[in-house]
Amino acid sequence: MTDTTETEYNEEELNKIIENLCWSKSEEFKKLGYEALTGKDIWDCVSDKYIKKGVPPLHQVVNDILSLKTTQFMNWMTMRAFKGTF
């Protein structure tokens, strides 16, 4: 028998978790040569798809951040440049 206790987080704790994940992903991208990248850039890219449907459960947000590829990020940046939404 397994204990599946779920931890409840308040909004501040959730924001800190997401901020740390985005920072970690930006550091990963920096090691790949994307020097001018910030955690905010990562969050802006990931959260862009939440505009219509709202923010999904935490596990989905974590997956979206950690599975973000450089090509996805660069496509998003290119589309922003075309739209002029910098």
PDB file of N, CA and C in Angstrom:
ATOM      1  N   MET A   1       0.847  -1.172   0.000  1.00  0.00           N
ATOM      2  CA  MET A   1       0.000   0.000   0.000  1.00  0.00           C
ATOM      3  C   MET A   1       0.894   1.236   0.000  1.00  0.00           C
ATOM      4  N   THR A   2       0.575   2.184  -0.871  1.00  0.00           N
ATOM      5  CA  THR A   2       1.376   3.400  -0.947  1.00  0.00           C
ATOM      6  C   THR A   2       0.588   4.579  -0.420  1.00  0.00           C
ATOM      7  N   ASP A   3       1.305   5.491   0.181  1.00  0.00           N
ATOM      8  CA  ASP A   3       0.704   6.708   0.706  1.00  0.00           C
ATOM      9  C   ASP A   3       0.850   7.795  -0.352  1.00  0.00           C
ATOM     10  N   THR A   4      -0.258   8.270  -0.872  1.00  0.00           N
ATOM     11  CA  THR A   4      -0.218   9.290  -1.921  1.00  0.00           C
ATOM     12  C   THR A   4      -0.665  10.633  -1.362  1.00  0.00           C
ATOM     13  N   THR A   5       0.085  11.130  -0.407  1.00  0.00           N
ATOM     14  CA  THR A   5      -0.218  12.412   0.197  1.00  0.00           C
ATOM     15  C   THR A   5       0.155  13.524  -0.769  1.00  0.00           C
ATOM     16  N   GLU A   6      -0.796  14.406  -1.018  1.00  0.00           N
ATOM     17  CA  GLU A   6      -0.528  15.542  -1.885  1.00  0.00           C
ATOM     18  C   GLU A   6      -0.215  16.754  -1.026  1.00  0.00           C
ATOM     19  N   THR A   7       0.796  17.502  -1.450  1.00  0.00           N
ATOM     20  CA  THR A   7       1.183  18.695  -0.730  1.00  0.00           C
ATOM     21  C   THR A   7       0.428  19.887  -1.298  1.00  0.00           C
ATOM     22  N   GLU A   8      -0.126  20.691  -0.429  1.00  0.00           N
ATOM     23  CA  GLU A   8      -0.811  21.911  -0.844  1.00  0.00           C
ATOM     24  C   GLU A   8       0.172  23.072  -0.745  1.00  0.00           C
ATOM     25  N   TYR A   9       0.241  23.871  -1.798  1.00  0.00           N
ATOM     26  CA  TYR A   9       1.119  25.037  -1.826  1.00  0.00           C
ATOM     27  C   TYR A   9       0.270  26.292  -1.932  1.00  0.00           C
ATOM     28  N   ASN A  10       0.748  27.360  -1.283  1.00  0.00           N
ATOM     29  CA  ASN A  10       0.062  28.627  -1.478  1.00  0.00           C
ATOM     30  C   ASN A  10       0.608  29.288  -2.740  1.00  0.00           C
ATOM     31  N   GLU A  11       0.014  30.372  -3.156  1.00  0.00           N
ATOM     32  CA  GLU A  11       0.384  31.011  -4.422  1.00  0.00           C
ATOM     33  C   GLU A  11       1.842  31.465  -4.437  1.00  0.00           C
ATOM     34  N   GLU A  12       2.313  31.979  -3.320  1.00  0.00           N
ATOM     35  CA  GLU A  12       3.708  32.428  -3.235  1.00  0.00           C
ATOM     36  C   GLU A  12       4.680  31.261  -3.419  1.00  0.00           C
ATOM     37  N   GLU A  13       4.383  30.136  -2.792  1.00  0.00           N
ATOM     38  CA  GLU A  13       5.239  28.951  -2.934  1.00  0.00           C
ATOM     39  C   GLU A  13       5.219  28.419  -4.365  1.00  0.00           C
ATOM     40  N   LEU A  14       4.052  28.407  -4.979  1.00  0.00           N
ATOM     41  CA  LEU A  14       3.948  27.956  -6.369  1.00  0.00           C
ATOM     42  C   LEU A  14       4.747  28.861  -7.298  1.00  0.00           C
ATOM     43  N   ASN A  15       4.632  30.166  -7.087  1.00  0.00           N
ATOM     44  CA  ASN A  15       5.385  31.110  -7.914  1.00  0.00           C
ATOM     45  C   ASN A  15       6.883  30.899  -7.767  1.00  0.00           C
ATOM     46  N   LYS A  16       7.341  30.617  -6.557  1.00  0.00           N
ATOM     47  CA  LYS A  16       8.767  30.380  -6.315  1.00  0.00           C
ATOM     48  C   LYS A  16       9.228  29.092  -7.006  1.00  0.00           C
ATOM     49  N   ILE A  17       8.420  28.053  -6.937  1.00  0.00           N
ATOM     50  CA  ILE A  17       8.748  26.790  -7.610  1.00  0.00           C
ATOM     51  C   ILE A  17       8.871  27.014  -9.113  1.00  0.00           C
ATOM     52  N   ILE A  18       7.895  27.694  -9.690  1.00  0.00           N
ATOM     53  CA  ILE A  18       7.906  27.964 -11.132  1.00  0.00           C
ATOM     54  C   ILE A  18       9.084  28.851 -11.505  1.00  0.00           C
ATOM     55  N   GLU A  19       9.351  29.860 -10.695  1.00  0.00           N
ATOM     56  CA  GLU A  19      10.491  30.752 -10.947  1.00  0.00           C
ATOM     57  C   GLU A  19      11.805  29.974 -10.956  1.00  0.00           C
ATOM     58  N   ASN A  20      11.986  29.081  -9.996  1.00  0.00           N
ATOM     59  CA  ASN A  20      13.213  28.278  -9.931  1.00  0.00           C
ATOM     60  C   ASN A  20      13.340  27.343 -11.132  1.00  0.00           C
ATOM     61  N   LEU A  21      12.241  26.748 -11.547  1.00  0.00           N
ATOM     62  CA  LEU A  21      12.271  25.874 -12.726  1.00  0.00           C
ATOM     63  C   LEU A  21      12.636  26.657 -13.983  1.00  0.00           C
ATOM     64  N   CYS A  22      12.061  27.838 -14.131  1.00  0.00           N
ATOM     65  CA  CYS A  22      12.359  28.674 -15.302  1.00  0.00           C
ATOM     66  C   CYS A  22      13.814  29.118 -15.283  1.00  0.00           C
ATOM     67  N   TRP A  23      14.317  29.470 -14.109  1.00  0.00           N
ATOM     68  CA  TRP A  23      15.722  29.855 -13.992  1.00  0.00           C
ATOM     69  C   TRP A  23      16.619  28.678 -14.377  1.00  0.00           C
ATOM     70  N   SER A  24      16.289  27.497 -13.896  1.00  0.00           N
ATOM     71  CA  SER A  24      17.066  26.301 -14.207  1.00  0.00           C
ATOM     72  C   SER A  24      17.078  26.032 -15.711  1.00  0.00           C
ATOM     73  N   LYS A  25      15.926  26.165 -16.351  1.00  0.00           N
ATOM     74  CA  LYS A  25      15.845  25.939 -17.798  1.00  0.00           C
ATOM     75  C   LYS A  25      16.640  27.009 -18.546  1.00  0.00           C
ATOM     76  N   SER A  26      16.614  28.243 -18.079  1.00  0.00           N
ATOM     77  CA  SER A  26      17.392  29.299 -18.744  1.00  0.00           C
ATOM     78  C   SER A  26      18.887  29.026 -18.608  1.00  0.00           C
ATOM     79  N   GLU A  27      19.311  28.491 -17.471  1.00  0.00           N
ATOM     80  CA  GLU A  27      20.720  28.125 -17.295  1.00  0.00           C
ATOM     81  C   GLU A  27      21.109  26.997 -18.253  1.00  0.00           C
ATOM     82  N   GLU A  28      20.213  26.058 -18.444  1.00  0.00           N
ATOM     83  CA  GLU A  28      20.455  24.967 -19.397  1.00  0.00           C
ATOM     84  C   GLU A  28      20.638  25.533 -20.808  1.00  0.00           C
ATOM     85  N   PHE A  29      19.767  26.459 -21.199  1.00  0.00           N
ATOM     86  CA  PHE A  29      19.859  27.060 -22.529  1.00  0.00           C
ATOM     87  C   PHE A  29      21.137  27.887 -22.667  1.00  0.00           C
ATOM     88  N   LYS A  30      21.557  28.542 -21.590  1.00  0.00           N
ATOM     89  CA  LYS A  30      22.799  29.328 -21.634  1.00  0.00           C
ATOM     90  C   LYS A  30      23.998  28.430 -21.918  1.00  0.00           C
ATOM     91  N   LYS A  31      23.984  27.236 -21.373  1.00  0.00           N
ATOM     92  CA  LYS A  31      25.074  26.289 -21.635  1.00  0.00           C
ATOM     93  C   LYS A  31      25.085  25.830 -23.087  1.00  0.00           C
ATOM     94  N   LEU A  32      23.955  25.995 -23.755  1.00  0.00           N
ATOM     95  CA  LEU A  32      23.857  25.638 -25.172  1.00  0.00           C
ATOM     96  C   LEU A  32      24.135  26.835 -26.082  1.00  0.00           C
ATOM     97  N   GLY A  33      24.489  27.986 -25.472  1.00  0.00           N
ATOM     98  CA  GLY A  33      24.876  29.150 -26.261  1.00  0.00           C
ATOM     99  C   GLY A  33      23.865  30.279 -26.318  1.00  0.00           C
ATOM    100  N   TYR A  34      22.736  30.142 -25.656  1.00  0.00           N
ATOM    101  CA  TYR A  34      21.721  31.199 -25.639  1.00  0.00           C
ATOM    102  C   TYR A  34      21.954  32.083 -24.415  1.00  0.00           C
ATOM    103  N   GLU A  35      22.911  32.996 -24.521  1.00  0.00           N
ATOM    104  CA  GLU A  35      23.424  33.746 -23.375  1.00  0.00           C
ATOM    105  C   GLU A  35      22.455  34.771 -22.781  1.00  0.00           C
ATOM    106  N   ALA A  36      21.682  35.453 -23.601  1.00  0.00           N
ATOM    107  CA  ALA A  36      20.874  36.578 -23.122  1.00  0.00           C
ATOM    108  C   ALA A  36      19.502  36.160 -22.599  1.00  0.00           C
ATOM    109  N   LEU A  37      19.350  34.928 -22.267  1.00  0.00           N
ATOM    110  CA  LEU A  37      18.066  34.371 -21.865  1.00  0.00           C
ATOM    111  C   LEU A  37      17.862  34.486 -20.359  1.00  0.00           C
ATOM    112  N   THR A  38      16.629  34.763 -19.945  1.00  0.00           N
ATOM    113  CA  THR A  38      16.306  34.836 -18.521  1.00  0.00           C
ATOM    114  C   THR A  38      15.186  33.844 -18.196  1.00  0.00           C
ATOM    115  N   GLY A  39      14.987  33.635 -16.915  1.00  0.00           N
ATOM    116  CA  GLY A  39      13.886  32.789 -16.478  1.00  0.00           C
ATOM    117  C   GLY A  39      12.541  33.364 -16.899  1.00  0.00           C
ATOM    118  N   LYS A  40      12.443  34.693 -16.919  1.00  0.00           N
ATOM    119  CA  LYS A  40      11.203  35.346 -17.351  1.00  0.00           C
ATOM    120  C   LYS A  40      10.911  35.032 -18.810  1.00  0.00           C
ATOM    121  N   ASP A  41      11.949  34.993 -19.645  1.00  0.00           N
ATOM    122  CA  ASP A  41      11.758  34.635 -21.058  1.00  0.00           C
ATOM    123  C   ASP A  41      11.178  33.225 -21.180  1.00  0.00           C
ATOM    124  N   ILE A  42      11.698  32.319 -20.365  1.00  0.00           N
ATOM    125  CA  ILE A  42      11.198  30.936 -20.381  1.00  0.00           C
ATOM    126  C   ILE A  42       9.728  30.917 -19.979  1.00  0.00           C
ATOM    127  N   TRP A  43       9.394  31.614 -18.897  1.00  0.00           N
ATOM    128  CA  TRP A  43       8.011  31.628 -18.432  1.00  0.00           C
ATOM    129  C   TRP A  43       7.095  32.275 -19.465  1.00  0.00           C
ATOM    130  N   ASP A  44       7.531  33.370 -20.082  1.00  0.00           N
ATOM    131  CA  ASP A  44       6.715  34.025 -21.105  1.00  0.00           C
ATOM    132  C   ASP A  44       6.412  33.067 -22.248  1.00  0.00           C
ATOM    133  N   CYS A  45       7.403  32.295 -22.652  1.00  0.00           N
ATOM    134  CA  CYS A  45       7.225  31.324 -23.731  1.00  0.00           C
ATOM    135  C   CYS A  45       6.254  30.219 -23.318  1.00  0.00           C
ATOM    136  N   VAL A  46       6.486  29.639 -22.169  1.00  0.00           N
ATOM    137  CA  VAL A  46       5.653  28.519 -21.707  1.00  0.00           C
ATOM    138  C   VAL A  46       4.223  28.985 -21.427  1.00  0.00           C
ATOM    139  N   SER A  47       4.084  30.123 -20.768  1.00  0.00           N
ATOM    140  CA  SER A  47       2.749  30.584 -20.369  1.00  0.00           C
ATOM    141  C   SER A  47       1.949  31.165 -21.528  1.00  0.00           C
ATOM    142  N   ASP A  48       2.593  31.422 -22.652  1.00  0.00           N
ATOM    143  CA  ASP A  48       1.887  31.964 -23.813  1.00  0.00           C
ATOM    144  C   ASP A  48       0.753  31.043 -24.251  1.00  0.00           C
ATOM    145  N   LYS A  49       0.953  29.748 -24.130  1.00  0.00           N
ATOM    146  CA  LYS A  49      -0.103  28.818 -24.548  1.00  0.00           C
ATOM    147  C   LYS A  49      -1.208  28.674 -23.505  1.00  0.00           C
ATOM    148  N   TYR A  50      -1.051  29.298 -22.338  1.00  0.00           N
ATOM    149  CA  TYR A  50      -2.074  29.240 -21.297  1.00  0.00           C
ATOM    150  C   TYR A  50      -3.068  30.396 -21.396  1.00  0.00           C
ATOM    151  N   ILE A  51      -2.853  31.298 -22.333  1.00  0.00           N
ATOM    152  CA  ILE A  51      -3.683  32.500 -22.423  1.00  0.00           C
ATOM    153  C   ILE A  51      -5.155  32.151 -22.624  1.00  0.00           C
ATOM    154  N   LYS A  52      -5.439  31.235 -23.515  1.00  0.00           N
ATOM    155  CA  LYS A  52      -6.828  30.910 -23.839  1.00  0.00           C
ATOM    156  C   LYS A  52      -7.487  29.993 -22.817  1.00  0.00           C
ATOM    157  N   LYS A  53      -6.764  29.000 -22.324  1.00  0.00           N
ATOM    158  CA  LYS A  53      -7.368  27.979 -21.459  1.00  0.00           C
ATOM    159  C   LYS A  53      -7.093  28.176 -19.975  1.00  0.00           C
ATOM    160  N   GLY A  54      -6.181  29.066 -19.628  1.00  0.00           N
ATOM    161  CA  GLY A  54      -5.822  29.254 -18.237  1.00  0.00           C
ATOM    162  C   GLY A  54      -4.660  28.354 -17.841  1.00  0.00           C
ATOM    163  N   VAL A  55      -4.139  28.594 -16.670  1.00  0.00           N
ATOM    164  CA  VAL A  55      -2.979  27.840 -16.192  1.00  0.00           C
ATOM    165  C   VAL A  55      -3.427  26.438 -15.788  1.00  0.00           C
ATOM    166  N   PRO A  56      -2.757  25.413 -16.322  1.00  0.00           N
ATOM    167  CA  PRO A  56      -3.117  24.025 -16.000  1.00  0.00           C
ATOM    168  C   PRO A  56      -2.593  23.618 -14.617  1.00  0.00           C
ATOM    169  N   PRO A  57      -2.822  22.378 -14.212  1.00  0.00           N
ATOM    170  CA  PRO A  57      -2.294  21.894 -12.931  1.00  0.00           C
ATOM    171  C   PRO A  57      -0.764  21.995 -12.884  1.00  0.00           C
ATOM    172  N   LEU A  58      -0.237  22.047 -11.685  1.00  0.00           N
ATOM    173  CA  LEU A  58       1.199  22.231 -11.475  1.00  0.00           C
ATOM    174  C   LEU A  58       2.028  21.197 -12.222  1.00  0.00           C
ATOM    175  N   HIS A  59       1.619  19.944 -12.212  1.00  0.00           N
ATOM    176  CA  HIS A  59       2.421  18.908 -12.877  1.00  0.00           C
ATOM    177  C   HIS A  59       2.552  19.185 -14.372  1.00  0.00           C
ATOM    178  N   GLN A  60       1.526  19.768 -14.990  1.00  0.00           N
ATOM    179  CA  GLN A  60       1.589  20.097 -16.416  1.00  0.00           C
ATOM    180  C   GLN A  60       2.510  21.293 -16.658  1.00  0.00           C
ATOM    181  N   VAL A  61       2.456  22.278 -15.770  1.00  0.00           N
ATOM    182  CA  VAL A  61       3.339  23.447 -15.884  1.00  0.00           C
ATOM    183  C   VAL A  61       4.790  23.000 -15.766  1.00  0.00           C
ATOM    184  N   VAL A  62       5.077  22.160 -14.778  1.00  0.00           N
ATOM    185  CA  VAL A  62       6.438  21.646 -14.586  1.00  0.00           C
ATOM    186  C   VAL A  62       6.894  20.893 -15.830  1.00  0.00           C
ATOM    187  N   ASN A  63       6.046  20.042 -16.362  1.00  0.00           N
ATOM    188  CA  ASN A  63       6.386  19.297 -17.575  1.00  0.00           C
ATOM    189  C   ASN A  63       6.645  20.240 -18.746  1.00  0.00           C
ATOM    190  N   ASP A  64       5.812  21.252 -18.905  1.00  0.00           N
ATOM    191  CA  ASP A  64       5.979  22.195 -20.013  1.00  0.00           C
ATOM    192  C   ASP A  64       7.302  22.946 -19.918  1.00  0.00           C
ATOM    193  N   ILE A  65       7.697  23.313 -18.715  1.00  0.00           N
ATOM    194  CA  ILE A  65       8.967  24.029 -18.531  1.00  0.00           C
ATOM    195  C   ILE A  65      10.142  23.098 -18.795  1.00  0.00           C
ATOM    196  N   LEU A  66      10.131  21.937 -18.148  1.00  0.00           N
ATOM    197  CA  LEU A  66      11.282  21.041 -18.244  1.00  0.00           C
ATOM    198  C   LEU A  66      11.428  20.390 -19.617  1.00  0.00           C
ATOM    199  N   SER A  67      10.345  20.280 -20.358  1.00  0.00           N
ATOM    200  CA  SER A  67      10.430  19.656 -21.683  1.00  0.00           C
ATOM    201  C   SER A  67      10.589  20.672 -22.812  1.00  0.00           C
ATOM    202  N   LEU A  68      10.676  21.959 -22.480  1.00  0.00           N
ATOM    203  CA  LEU A  68      10.846  22.996 -23.498  1.00  0.00           C
ATOM    204  C   LEU A  68      12.173  22.800 -24.228  1.00  0.00           C
ATOM    205  N   LYS A  69      12.110  22.793 -25.539  1.00  0.00           N
ATOM    206  CA  LYS A  69      13.300  22.629 -26.381  1.00  0.00           C
ATOM    207  C   LYS A  69      13.715  23.985 -26.934  1.00  0.00           C
ATOM    208  N   THR A  70      14.991  24.108 -27.274  1.00  0.00           N
ATOM    209  CA  THR A  70      15.485  25.373 -27.816  1.00  0.00           C
ATOM    210  C   THR A  70      14.769  25.730 -29.116  1.00  0.00           C
ATOM    211  N   THR A  71      14.450  24.745 -29.922  1.00  0.00           N
ATOM    212  CA  THR A  71      13.749  25.040 -31.180  1.00  0.00           C
ATOM    213  C   THR A  71      12.354  25.604 -30.921  1.00  0.00           C
ATOM    214  N   GLN A  72      11.658  25.074 -29.915  1.00  0.00           N
ATOM    215  CA  GLN A  72      10.345  25.613 -29.553  1.00  0.00           C
ATOM    216  C   GLN A  72      10.479  27.059 -29.093  1.00  0.00           C
ATOM    217  N   PHE A  73      11.496  27.302 -28.272  1.00  0.00           N
ATOM    218  CA  PHE A  73      11.701  28.653 -27.757  1.00  0.00           C
ATOM    219  C   PHE A  73      12.022  29.620 -28.890  1.00  0.00           C
ATOM    220  N   MET A  74      12.909  29.221 -29.793  1.00  0.00           N
ATOM    221  CA  MET A  74      13.290  30.102 -30.897  1.00  0.00           C
ATOM    222  C   MET A  74      12.113  30.336 -31.846  1.00  0.00           C
ATOM    223  N   ASN A  75      11.277  29.341 -32.070  1.00  0.00           N
ATOM    224  CA  ASN A  75      10.068  29.539 -32.880  1.00  0.00           C
ATOM    225  C   ASN A  75       9.148  30.564 -32.231  1.00  0.00           C
ATOM    226  N   TRP A  76       8.985  30.462 -30.918  1.00  0.00           N
ATOM    227  CA  TRP A  76       8.153  31.410 -30.185  1.00  0.00           C
ATOM    228  C   TRP A  76       8.734  32.818 -30.284  1.00  0.00           C
ATOM    229  N   MET A  77      10.054  32.950 -30.128  1.00  0.00           N
ATOM    230  CA  MET A  77      10.707  34.261 -30.238  1.00  0.00           C
ATOM    231  C   MET A  77      10.522  34.837 -31.643  1.00  0.00           C
ATOM    232  N   THR A  78      10.653  34.007 -32.652  1.00  0.00           N
ATOM    233  CA  THR A  78      10.481  34.458 -34.035  1.00  0.00           C
ATOM    234  C   THR A  78       9.055  34.955 -34.268  1.00  0.00           C
ATOM    235  N   MET A  79       8.079  34.223 -33.772  1.00  0.00           N
ATOM    236  CA  MET A  79       6.683  34.643 -33.924  1.00  0.00           C
ATOM    237  C   MET A  79       6.423  35.954 -33.193  1.00  0.00           C
ATOM    238  N   ARG A  80       7.012  36.125 -32.035  1.00  0.00           N
ATOM    239  CA  ARG A  80       6.877  37.398 -31.310  1.00  0.00           C
ATOM    240  C   ARG A  80       7.477  38.535 -32.108  1.00  0.00           C
ATOM    241  N   ALA A  81       8.621  38.284 -32.736  1.00  0.00           N
ATOM    242  CA  ALA A  81       9.273  39.319 -33.540  1.00  0.00           C
ATOM    243  C   ALA A  81       8.391  39.694 -34.733  1.00  0.00           C
ATOM    244  N   PHE A  82       7.807  38.704 -35.390  1.00  0.00           N
ATOM    245  CA  PHE A  82       6.920  38.979 -36.525  1.00  0.00           C
ATOM    246  C   PHE A  82       5.683  39.758 -36.096  1.00  0.00           C
ATOM    247  N   LYS A  83       5.156  39.425 -34.924  1.00  0.00           N
ATOM    248  CA  LYS A  83       3.966  40.113 -34.421  1.00  0.00           C
ATOM    249  C   LYS A  83       4.304  41.473 -33.823  1.00  0.00           C
ATOM    250  N   GLY A  84       5.583  41.690 -33.524  1.00  0.00           N
ATOM    251  CA  GLY A  84       5.996  42.951 -32.910  1.00  0.00           C
ATOM    252  C   GLY A  84       5.574  43.077 -31.462  1.00  0.00           C
ATOM    253  N   THR A  85       5.576  41.973 -30.737  1.00  0.00           N
ATOM    254  CA  THR A  85       5.113  41.971 -29.340  1.00  0.00           C
ATOM    255  C   THR A  85       6.257  41.873 -28.340  1.00  0.00           C
ATOM    256  N   PHE A  86       7.359  42.528 -28.619  1.00  0.00           N
ATOM    257  CA  PHE A  86       8.470  42.504 -27.658  1.00  0.00           C
ATOM    258  C   PHE A  86       8.265  43.487 -26.568  1.00  0.00           C
TER     259      PHE A  86
END
